[in-house]
């Protein structure tokens, strides 16, 4: 298992992250580990989308198009847009 260390994080950012961890009942270390794992999984999602497109003989949509549409939909859900 690897260890990561992040330097030069502003105090106010550290405080926000610590509060999010506390709100979830996690240590800051556990919360940040979850954030890093989730971020890494996004790269896997993009690779999977590109593989599916390639297998289907191509598409006029790029992986970036699909990810942008996903982000837009998530933003609309967060704002209560149906």
Protein backbone atom coordinates (compact mmCIF):
# COMPACT_ATOMS: atom_id res chain seq x y z
CA UNK A 1 0.00 0.00 0.00
CA UNK A 2 1.38 3.42 -0.92
CA UNK A 3 1.44 6.49 1.27
CA UNK A 4 0.64 9.99 0.00
CA UNK A 5 1.53 13.29 1.57
CA UNK A 6 0.14 16.62 0.42
CA UNK A 7 2.01 19.78 1.34
CA UNK A 8 1.11 23.45 1.24
CA UNK A 9 -2.65 23.03 1.69
CA UNK A 10 -4.12 26.31 2.97
CA UNK A 11 -5.49 26.06 6.51
CA UNK A 12 -9.01 27.05 5.45
CA UNK A 13 -9.09 24.23 2.87
CA UNK A 14 -7.86 21.72 5.44
CA UNK A 15 -10.58 22.92 7.81
CA UNK A 16 -13.30 22.44 5.18
CA UNK A 17 -12.06 18.91 4.45
CA UNK A 18 -11.83 18.07 8.15
CA UNK A 19 -15.41 19.26 8.65
CA UNK A 20 -16.65 17.14 5.74
CA UNK A 21 -14.89 14.13 7.24
CA UNK A 22 -16.43 14.83 10.63
CA UNK A 23 -19.90 15.22 9.08
CA UNK A 24 -19.49 11.74 7.57
CA UNK A 25 -18.20 10.24 10.79
CA UNK A 26 -14.77 9.64 9.26
CA UNK A 27 -11.25 10.59 10.09
CA UNK A 28 -9.67 13.11 7.75
CA UNK A 29 -7.36 10.36 6.48
CA UNK A 30 -10.29 8.03 5.65
CA UNK A 31 -12.24 10.82 3.97
CA UNK A 32 -9.29 11.87 1.81
CA UNK A 33 -8.60 8.24 0.88
CA UNK A 34 -12.20 7.97 -0.37
CA UNK A 35 -11.78 11.20 -2.37
CA UNK A 36 -8.58 9.91 -4.00
CA UNK A 37 -10.14 6.52 -4.83
CA UNK A 38 -13.24 8.19 -6.32
CA UNK A 39 -11.08 10.52 -8.42
CA UNK A 40 -9.04 7.61 -9.73
CA UNK A 41 -12.21 5.73 -10.67
CA UNK A 42 -13.22 8.62 -12.95
CA UNK A 43 -10.21 7.88 -15.16
CA UNK A 44 -11.38 4.27 -15.38
CA UNK A 45 -14.85 5.45 -16.40
CA UNK A 46 -13.45 7.53 -19.26
CA UNK A 47 -11.34 4.62 -20.49
CA UNK A 48 -14.40 2.35 -20.41
CA UNK A 49 -16.47 4.85 -22.40
CA UNK A 50 -13.74 5.11 -25.04
CA UNK A 51 -13.53 1.31 -25.25
CA UNK A 52 -17.30 0.96 -25.75
CA UNK A 53 -17.29 3.62 -28.47
CA UNK A 54 -14.41 1.89 -30.24
CA UNK A 55 -16.19 -1.48 -30.13
CA UNK A 56 -19.36 -0.01 -31.59
CA UNK A 57 -17.49 1.26 -34.62
CA UNK A 58 -17.09 4.80 -33.50
CA UNK A 59 -19.47 7.58 -32.65
CA UNK A 60 -19.86 11.25 -33.32
CA UNK A 61 -19.63 11.74 -29.55
CA UNK A 62 -16.32 11.80 -27.75
CA UNK A 63 -15.72 10.64 -24.19
CA UNK A 64 -15.48 14.31 -23.25
CA UNK A 65 -18.98 14.88 -24.73
CA UNK A 66 -20.40 12.03 -22.65
CA UNK A 67 -18.67 13.19 -19.48
CA UNK A 68 -19.84 16.78 -20.05
CA UNK A 69 -23.44 15.55 -20.49
CA UNK A 70 -23.10 13.55 -17.28
CA UNK A 71 -21.78 16.56 -15.39
CA UNK A 72 -24.61 18.73 -16.72
CA UNK A 73 -27.21 16.17 -15.64
CA UNK A 74 -25.67 15.91 -12.18
CA UNK A 75 -25.70 19.69 -11.87
CA UNK A 76 -29.36 19.87 -12.86
CA UNK A 77 -30.27 17.18 -10.32
CA UNK A 78 -28.43 19.11 -7.64
CA UNK A 79 -30.47 22.23 -8.45
CA UNK A 80 -33.75 20.31 -8.47
CA UNK A 81 -34.26 20.67 -12.24
CA UNK A 82 -36.38 17.84 -13.60
